[in-house]
Amino acid sequence: MDFSFGPELESIRDAARRLCARFDDDYWSARDEGHEFPWEFYDAFAEQGWIGILVPEEYGGAGLGTLHAGALLNAVAATAGAQNAASALHLSIFGMAPVIHHGSEELKRRTLPPTASGELHVSFGVTEDDAGTDTSRIRTFARRSGDGFLVTGKKVWNTKAQQAQKILLLARTTPREECRRPLEGMTLFLADLDPAHTEIREIPKLGRNAVNSNEVYFEDLPVSAADVVGEVGRGFYHLLDGLNPERIVLAAEAVGIGRRALEVATRYAKERVVFDRPIGQNQAVAHPLAESLSELEAADLLWQKAAWTFDRGEEAGALANMAKLRASEASFTACDRALQVFGGMGYAREFHVERYWRESRLGRIAPISNEMVRNYLAEHVLGLPRSH
């Protein structure tokens, strides 16, 4: 058993750190406060080919695995950009997984090369405010029209919709009550975000404001049959290939954010002198930081095991969910402890830990709440009765 990252993964991590070093805390604070997408940062990674890390080589990508993508985004999130930086890259890297696994050859050749180069931006349209976690109850509907479809409905929490040219859109093509199973009858589309048929409204939110979240409304949005991903009526099942690796990489990002907060707090605890001694000499300050060190290390190993398992083609659902749970909890706790170390100044924007704290809170909610993760583990791993 070898726990080392190895030369290839270390080189990925080192390259990410070098690129991120160009963008300091002041850069990210300005993007966050101004609700401005970090184009300079995104373009720097696109120019080096990192956006296509998961895209197969025949379509212009690197053809690497979840462990490699996790190493990249873990390193990104451990720098000044934290979740803003990771999210700017995340959807471009992971959003097209269903197309890679289930798209037609024509769809792949049309969309994966510009995805790998960073030219094509895709938003993700699954969640609806009325349905929540119960995806079977989405109301967005795609009705047949000639050789294609017309889509009408609404999606929420669409990341980067203001920059995207396309949206990976899940819609019902058969009413729920007419399906044998609740999760059947939904179809996945890679649709154009045609402004003549869509309206995008940004959602004001707590943090990660350099990367926008939106409500998107559709009114008879035309979608070609060539833009159906996989089989009509099987869209939810096609999404599943992207859910586990996304949770694994989100865990990697969470660990990175926690480590950034821990690094900043530890430095401050060494430098800040009160009552003629550095505050880090006090166990009330030192012990919580030591706890977070061990918690983040454990979560780091867990996401790596989950990624390794997934990349080997083995069942990784339980590990992916456990990694997401443990990493998001450890990350937020580390950021909260870091803010506490700074005392009143932790509440001030100039020291940036309040931004890390705001951004780390998202991991306990999205893309699925930690309560639902616990439900999954209780039912599918422990064999306890279904609770919902």
Protein backbone atom coordinates (compact mmCIF):
# COMPACT_ATOMS: atom_id res chain seq x y z
CA MET A 1 0.00 0.00 0.00
CA ASP A 2 1.49 3.31 -1.12
CA PHE A 3 0.09 6.57 0.28
CA SER A 4 2.33 8.87 -1.75
CA PHE A 5 0.83 11.06 -4.44
CA GLY A 6 3.50 10.06 -6.94
CA PRO A 7 5.32 12.27 -9.47
CA GLU A 8 2.33 12.77 -11.81
CA LEU A 9 -0.09 13.92 -9.11
CA GLU A 10 2.58 16.04 -7.43
CA SER A 11 3.29 17.78 -10.73
CA ILE A 12 -0.42 18.56 -11.13
CA ARG A 13 -0.57 19.98 -7.63
CA ASP A 14 2.59 22.04 -8.12
CA ALA A 15 1.35 23.47 -11.42
CA ALA A 16 -1.95 24.48 -9.83
CA ARG A 17 -0.15 26.21 -6.95
CA ARG A 18 2.07 28.16 -9.34
CA LEU A 19 -0.88 29.42 -11.36
CA CYS A 20 -2.87 30.30 -8.24
CA ALA A 21 0.07 32.26 -6.80
CA ARG A 22 -0.63 34.96 -9.40
CA PHE A 23 -3.99 35.69 -7.74
CA ASP A 24 -3.83 36.87 -4.13
CA ASP A 25 -6.46 37.45 -1.46
CA ASP A 26 -7.05 41.02 -2.60
CA TYR A 27 -7.82 39.81 -6.14
CA TRP A 28 -10.38 37.33 -4.83
CA SER A 29 -11.94 39.75 -2.37
CA ALA A 30 -12.46 42.24 -5.19
CA ARG A 31 -14.04 39.61 -7.44
CA ASP A 32 -16.26 38.41 -4.61
CA GLU A 33 -17.41 41.87 -3.57
CA GLY A 34 -17.97 42.95 -7.17
CA HIS A 35 -19.76 39.73 -8.19
CA GLU A 36 -17.29 39.51 -11.08
CA PHE A 37 -16.36 36.23 -12.72
CA PRO A 38 -12.55 35.71 -12.44
CA TRP A 39 -11.79 35.60 -16.14
CA GLU A 40 -8.03 36.15 -15.75
CA PHE A 41 -7.82 33.18 -13.40
CA TYR A 42 -10.03 30.95 -15.53
CA ASP A 43 -8.13 31.80 -18.73
CA ALA A 44 -4.78 31.04 -17.06
CA PHE A 45 -5.94 27.49 -16.32
CA ALA A 46 -7.60 27.08 -19.72
CA GLU A 47 -4.42 28.12 -21.52
CA GLN A 48 -2.51 25.38 -19.70
CA GLY A 49 -5.10 22.75 -20.69
CA TRP A 50 -6.42 22.04 -17.20
CA ILE A 51 -10.10 22.50 -18.08
CA GLY A 52 -9.94 19.33 -20.20
CA ILE A 53 -8.31 17.15 -17.55
CA LEU A 54 -11.17 14.60 -17.70
CA VAL A 55 -12.02 14.92 -21.41
CA PRO A 56 -10.75 11.90 -23.41
CA GLU A 57 -7.65 12.52 -25.48
CA GLU A 58 -9.44 11.91 -28.79
CA TYR A 59 -11.57 14.99 -28.08
CA GLY A 60 -8.68 17.26 -27.11
CA GLY A 61 -8.44 16.58 -23.40
CA ALA A 62 -5.92 14.92 -21.09
CA GLY A 63 -8.01 11.81 -20.46
CA LEU A 64 -7.08 11.61 -16.78
CA GLY A 65 -9.13 10.42 -13.82
CA THR A 66 -11.03 11.66 -10.81
CA LEU A 67 -7.95 11.37 -8.59
CA HIS A 68 -6.09 13.74 -10.92
CA ALA A 69 -8.97 16.23 -11.04
CA GLY A 70 -9.26 16.02 -7.27
CA ALA A 71 -5.56 16.74 -6.83
CA LEU A 72 -5.88 19.78 -9.09
CA LEU A 73 -8.91 21.29 -7.36
CA ASN A 74 -7.68 20.41 -3.88
CA ALA A 75 -4.58 22.49 -4.58
CA VAL A 76 -6.64 25.32 -6.08
CA ALA A 77 -9.00 25.49 -3.09
CA ALA A 78 -6.06 25.58 -0.66
CA THR A 79 -5.00 28.98 -2.03
CA ALA A 80 -6.41 32.49 -1.66
CA GLY A 81 -9.31 31.84 -4.04
CA ALA A 82 -10.80 29.06 -1.89
CA GLN A 83 -14.27 28.06 -3.15
CA ASN A 84 -14.53 30.94 -5.63
CA ALA A 85 -11.45 29.66 -7.42
CA ALA A 86 -12.45 26.00 -7.31
CA SER A 87 -15.99 26.73 -8.51
CA ALA A 88 -14.76 28.83 -11.42
CA LEU A 89 -13.12 25.68 -12.78
CA HIS A 90 -15.25 22.94 -11.28
CA LEU A 91 -18.29 22.95 -13.56
CA SER A 92 -16.20 23.25 -16.72
CA ILE A 93 -14.26 20.18 -15.61
CA PHE A 94 -17.15 18.05 -14.33
CA GLY A 95 -20.29 19.38 -15.95
CA MET A 96 -19.85 17.41 -19.16
CA ALA A 97 -19.36 13.98 -17.57
CA PRO A 98 -22.78 12.73 -18.77
CA VAL A 99 -21.89 13.74 -22.32
CA ILE A 100 -18.54 11.92 -22.06
CA HIS A 101 -20.27 8.74 -20.85
CA HIS A 102 -23.59 8.84 -22.72
CA GLY A 103 -23.52 11.41 -25.51
CA SER A 104 -23.64 10.41 -29.15
CA GLU A 105 -20.42 10.46 -31.11
CA GLU A 106 -21.65 13.50 -33.04
CA LEU A 107 -22.48 15.36 -29.79
CA LYS A 108 -19.09 14.53 -28.31
CA ARG A 109 -17.17 15.71 -31.36
CA ARG A 110 -19.20 18.91 -31.47
CA THR A 111 -18.96 19.87 -27.80
CA LEU A 112 -16.04 18.19 -26.03
CA PRO A 113 -13.14 19.88 -27.88
CA PRO A 114 -14.38 23.41 -27.03
CA THR A 115 -15.05 22.20 -23.50
CA ALA A 116 -11.47 20.97 -23.15
CA SER A 117 -10.07 24.26 -24.45
CA GLY A 118 -12.23 26.27 -22.05
CA GLU A 119 -14.19 28.00 -24.83
CA LEU A 120 -17.53 26.30 -24.14
CA HIS A 121 -19.18 27.13 -20.82
CA VAL A 122 -22.02 24.92 -19.62
CA SER A 123 -24.39 25.51 -16.72
CA PHE A 124 -26.14 22.68 -14.86
CA GLY A 125 -29.93 22.64 -14.74
CA VAL A 126 -31.38 19.97 -12.47
CA THR A 127 -32.65 21.53 -9.22
CA GLU A 128 -36.10 23.10 -8.92
CA ASP A 129 -37.42 25.01 -5.94
CA ASP A 130 -40.61 22.95 -5.69
CA ALA A 131 -38.87 19.57 -6.02
CA GLY A 132 -35.75 20.08 -3.92
CA THR A 133 -33.94 16.80 -3.32
CA ASP A 134 -36.85 14.79 -4.75
CA THR A 135 -35.73 15.06 -8.37
CA SER A 136 -38.59 12.84 -9.53
CA ARG A 137 -40.97 15.76 -8.92
CA ILE A 138 -39.37 18.28 -11.27
CA ARG A 139 -41.93 20.17 -13.37
CA THR A 140 -39.83 21.45 -16.26
CA PHE A 141 -41.28 19.67 -19.28
CA ALA A 142 -40.00 19.00 -22.79
CA ARG A 143 -42.76 18.31 -25.30
CA ARG A 144 -42.17 16.90 -28.76
CA SER A 145 -42.12 19.41 -31.60
CA GLY A 146 -41.22 18.09 -35.04
CA ASP A 147 -37.81 16.40 -34.81
CA GLY A 148 -36.97 18.10 -31.54
CA PHE A 149 -38.45 19.40 -28.30
CA LEU A 150 -39.75 22.59 -26.73
CA VAL A 151 -38.84 23.06 -23.06
CA THR A 152 -40.84 25.12 -20.58
CA GLY A 153 -40.13 25.46 -16.86
CA LYS A 154 -37.72 26.83 -14.28
CA LYS A 155 -34.45 25.77 -12.67
CA VAL A 156 -32.68 27.18 -9.60
CA TRP A 157 -29.07 27.35 -8.40
CA ASN A 158 -27.72 27.29 -11.93
CA THR A 159 -24.01 27.98 -11.49
CA LYS A 160 -22.36 30.25 -14.05
CA ALA A 161 -25.49 30.59 -16.18
CA GLN A 162 -24.51 34.18 -17.00
CA GLN A 163 -21.32 33.01 -18.71
CA ALA A 164 -22.65 29.77 -20.21
CA GLN A 165 -23.62 29.20 -23.82
CA LYS A 166 -25.31 25.87 -23.03
CA ILE A 167 -27.10 24.19 -20.17
CA LEU A 168 -27.14 20.52 -19.23
CA LEU A 169 -30.87 20.42 -18.63
CA LEU A 170 -32.99 17.69 -17.04
CA ALA A 171 -36.65 17.82 -18.01
CA ARG A 172 -39.62 15.53 -17.90
CA THR A 173 -40.64 14.04 -21.25
CA THR A 174 -43.25 11.75 -19.67
CA PRO A 175 -45.46 12.80 -16.74
CA ARG A 176 -44.44 11.20 -13.44
CA GLU A 177 -47.81 9.52 -12.96
CA GLU A 178 -47.44 7.73 -16.31
CA CYS A 179 -44.06 6.16 -15.44
CA ARG A 180 -43.49 2.76 -13.85
CA ARG A 181 -40.87 4.27 -11.54
CA PRO A 182 -40.72 7.88 -10.29
CA LEU A 183 -37.22 8.50 -11.67
CA GLU A 184 -38.08 7.36 -15.18
CA GLY A 185 -39.49 9.62 -17.88
CA MET A 186 -36.85 12.36 -17.55
CA THR A 187 -34.51 13.30 -20.39
CA LEU A 188 -31.16 15.06 -20.31
CA PHE A 189 -30.48 17.76 -22.90
CA LEU A 190 -27.40 19.83 -23.76
CA ALA A 191 -29.48 22.84 -24.74
CA ASP A 192 -28.52 26.28 -26.02
CA LEU A 193 -29.23 29.11 -23.56
CA ASP A 194 -31.14 31.03 -26.21
CA PRO A 195 -31.93 34.51 -24.77
CA ALA A 196 -35.11 34.63 -26.86
CA HIS A 197 -36.51 31.74 -24.81
CA THR A 198 -34.73 32.06 -21.46
CA GLU A 199 -34.54 34.54 -18.62
CA ILE A 200 -31.67 34.44 -16.10
CA ARG A 201 -31.92 36.06 -12.67
CA GLU A 202 -29.02 36.02 -10.24
CA ILE A 203 -29.70 34.76 -6.71
CA PRO A 204 -28.15 37.01 -4.01
CA LYS A 205 -26.31 34.68 -1.64
CA LEU A 206 -24.03 34.40 1.37
CA GLY A 207 -20.72 33.71 -0.35
CA ARG A 208 -18.84 32.49 -3.42
CA ASN A 209 -20.05 35.58 -5.22
CA ALA A 210 -17.38 35.63 -7.93
CA VAL A 211 -19.23 32.66 -9.42
CA ASN A 212 -22.90 33.44 -9.89
CA SER A 213 -25.89 31.27 -8.98
CA ASN A 214 -29.14 31.84 -10.82
CA GLU A 215 -32.77 31.10 -11.49
CA VAL A 216 -33.34 30.24 -15.15
CA TYR A 217 -36.78 30.39 -16.76
CA PHE A 218 -37.55 28.60 -20.04
CA GLU A 219 -40.42 29.36 -22.39
CA ASP A 220 -40.70 27.01 -25.39
CA LEU A 221 -36.90 26.68 -25.58
CA PRO A 222 -36.20 24.72 -28.79
CA VAL A 223 -33.82 21.77 -28.42
CA SER A 224 -32.70 19.59 -31.28
CA ALA A 225 -32.92 15.80 -31.02
CA ALA A 226 -29.16 15.84 -31.67
CA ASP A 227 -28.73 17.55 -28.29
CA VAL A 228 -30.34 14.73 -26.30
CA VAL A 229 -27.74 13.15 -24.00
CA GLY A 230 -28.20 9.38 -24.02
CA GLU A 231 -31.68 7.90 -24.20
CA VAL A 232 -34.97 9.76 -24.00
CA GLY A 233 -36.56 8.98 -20.64
CA ARG A 234 -33.30 7.82 -19.02
CA GLY A 235 -31.86 11.22 -18.19
CA PHE A 236 -31.76 10.83 -14.43
CA TYR A 237 -29.77 7.61 -14.70
CA HIS A 238 -27.32 9.26 -17.10
CA LEU A 239 -26.71 11.96 -14.48
CA LEU A 240 -25.57 9.41 -11.93
CA ASP A 241 -22.22 8.87 -13.65
CA GLY A 242 -21.36 12.46 -12.78
CA LEU A 243 -22.68 12.57 -9.22
CA ASN A 244 -20.16 10.36 -7.40
CA PRO A 245 -17.02 11.88 -8.93
CA GLU A 246 -18.40 15.36 -8.33
CA ARG A 247 -18.94 14.60 -4.63
CA ILE A 248 -15.43 13.19 -4.40
CA VAL A 249 -13.89 16.30 -5.93
CA LEU A 250 -16.06 18.60 -3.82
CA ALA A 251 -14.60 16.78 -0.81
CA ALA A 252 -11.11 17.47 -2.15
CA GLU A 253 -11.98 21.15 -2.52
CA ALA A 254 -13.41 21.31 1.00
CA VAL A 255 -10.19 19.91 2.43
CA GLY A 256 -8.27 22.54 0.50
CA ILE A 257 -10.35 25.40 1.90
CA GLY A 258 -9.95 24.07 5.44
CA ARG A 259 -6.20 23.85 5.01
CA ARG A 260 -6.03 27.41 3.72
CA ALA A 261 -7.90 28.65 6.79
CA LEU A 262 -5.73 26.56 9.09
CA GLU A 263 -2.55 27.90 7.48
CA VAL A 264 -3.65 31.52 7.87
CA ALA A 265 -4.84 31.01 11.47
CA THR A 266 -1.65 29.22 12.49
CA ARG A 267 0.51 32.01 11.11
CA TYR A 268 -1.56 34.59 12.97
CA ALA A 269 -1.39 32.55 16.20
CA LYS A 270 2.41 32.64 16.00
CA GLU A 271 2.61 36.37 15.28
CA ARG A 272 -0.15 37.85 17.43
CA VAL A 273 1.16 38.73 20.89
CA VAL A 274 -1.20 39.35 23.81
CA PHE A 275 -0.12 39.51 27.46
CA ASP A 276 3.51 39.31 26.30
CA ARG A 277 3.11 35.90 24.61
CA PRO A 278 1.96 34.64 21.21
CA ILE A 279 -1.64 33.54 21.42
CA GLY A 280 -0.70 30.20 19.89
CA GLN A 281 1.06 29.37 23.15
CA ASN A 282 -2.36 29.11 24.78
CA GLN A 283 -3.93 25.67 24.58
CA ALA A 284 -7.36 27.23 24.06
CA VAL A 285 -6.02 28.43 20.70
CA ALA A 286 -3.57 25.62 19.90
CA HIS A 287 -5.78 22.59 20.61
CA PRO A 288 -8.65 23.50 18.24
CA LEU A 289 -6.13 24.08 15.45
CA ALA A 290 -4.50 20.73 16.19
CA GLU A 291 -7.93 19.08 16.07
CA SER A 292 -8.59 20.57 12.65
CA LEU A 293 -5.20 19.42 11.41
CA SER A 294 -6.08 15.81 12.21
CA GLU A 295 -9.67 16.10 10.92
CA LEU A 296 -8.56 17.53 7.58
CA GLU A 297 -5.87 14.88 7.20
CA ALA A 298 -8.44 12.12 7.73
CA ALA A 299 -10.84 13.69 5.22
CA ASP A 300 -7.99 14.06 2.72
CA LEU A 301 -7.27 10.34 2.85
CA LEU A 302 -10.97 9.52 2.48
CA TRP A 303 -11.54 11.50 -0.71
CA GLN A 304 -8.38 10.01 -2.21
CA LYS A 305 -9.59 6.48 -1.41
CA ALA A 306 -12.98 7.29 -2.95
CA ALA A 307 -11.33 8.68 -6.11
CA TRP A 308 -9.01 5.69 -6.39
CA THR A 309 -11.98 3.33 -6.05
CA PHE A 310 -14.05 5.17 -8.65
CA ASP A 311 -11.19 5.32 -11.14
CA ARG A 312 -10.77 1.55 -10.82
CA GLY A 313 -14.36 1.10 -11.95
CA GLU A 314 -15.51 -0.15 -8.56
CA GLU A 315 -18.65 0.90 -6.66
CA ALA A 316 -17.82 4.16 -4.93
CA GLY A 317 -21.19 5.57 -3.88
CA ALA A 318 -20.72 5.06 -0.15
CA LEU A 319 -17.14 6.33 -0.16
CA ALA A 320 -18.06 9.37 -2.27
CA ASN A 321 -20.81 10.33 0.15
CA MET A 322 -18.69 9.70 3.23
CA ALA A 323 -15.87 11.79 1.79
CA LYS A 324 -18.25 14.66 1.04
CA LEU A 325 -19.71 14.47 4.55
CA ARG A 326 -16.45 14.30 6.47
CA ALA A 327 -14.60 16.86 4.34
CA SER A 328 -17.36 19.47 4.42
CA GLU A 329 -17.72 19.18 8.19
CA ALA A 330 -13.95 19.33 8.76
CA SER A 331 -13.61 22.27 6.39
CA PHE A 332 -16.29 24.41 8.00
CA THR A 333 -15.02 23.60 11.49
CA ALA A 334 -11.47 24.59 10.49
CA CYS A 335 -12.72 27.87 9.01
CA ASP A 336 -14.83 28.59 12.08
CA ARG A 337 -11.88 27.93 14.37
CA ALA A 338 -9.67 30.12 12.19
CA LEU A 339 -12.14 32.99 12.48
CA GLN A 340 -12.19 32.51 16.25
CA VAL A 341 -8.39 32.69 16.45
CA PHE A 342 -8.52 36.12 14.84
CA GLY A 343 -11.10 37.26 17.37
CA GLY A 344 -12.86 40.48 16.38
CA MET A 345 -10.54 40.94 13.41
CA GLY A 346 -11.74 37.62 12.03
CA TYR A 347 -15.04 39.36 11.39
CA ALA A 348 -13.27 42.02 9.35
CA ARG A 349 -12.89 41.52 5.61
CA GLU A 350 -9.27 42.67 5.51
CA PHE A 351 -8.02 39.37 7.00
CA HIS A 352 -10.07 37.22 4.56
CA VAL A 353 -10.95 34.42 6.98
CA GLU A 354 -14.58 35.54 6.99
CA ARG A 355 -14.62 34.86 3.24
CA TYR A 356 -13.21 31.36 3.72
CA TRP A 357 -15.83 30.79 6.44
CA ARG A 358 -18.68 31.92 4.18
CA GLU A 359 -17.48 29.79 1.31
CA SER A 360 -16.87 26.65 3.36
CA ARG A 361 -20.46 26.70 4.65
CA LEU A 362 -21.74 25.79 1.19
CA GLY A 363 -20.18 22.33 1.35
CA ARG A 364 -22.55 21.19 4.07
CA ILE A 365 -25.55 22.00 1.85
CA ALA A 366 -24.59 21.38 -1.76
CA PRO A 367 -24.83 19.50 -4.00
CA ILE A 368 -26.75 17.46 -1.44
CA SER A 369 -27.23 18.24 2.23
CA ASN A 370 -25.25 16.32 4.82
CA GLU A 371 -28.55 15.19 6.34
CA MET A 372 -29.42 13.42 3.08
CA VAL A 373 -25.93 11.91 2.95
CA ARG A 374 -26.52 10.45 6.41
CA ASN A 375 -29.87 9.08 5.20
CA TYR A 376 -28.12 7.41 2.27
CA LEU A 377 -25.44 5.83 4.45
CA ALA A 378 -27.97 4.65 7.03
CA GLU A 379 -30.15 3.00 4.40
CA HIS A 380 -27.72 1.74 1.78
CA VAL A 381 -24.68 0.89 3.91
CA LEU A 382 -26.08 0.06 7.33
CA GLY A 383 -29.30 -1.46 5.98
CA LEU A 384 -31.58 0.58 8.23
CA PRO A 385 -35.19 1.31 7.21
CA ARG A 386 -35.71 4.15 4.74
CA SER A 387 -36.44 7.37 6.61
CA HIS A 388 -37.93 9.48 3.84
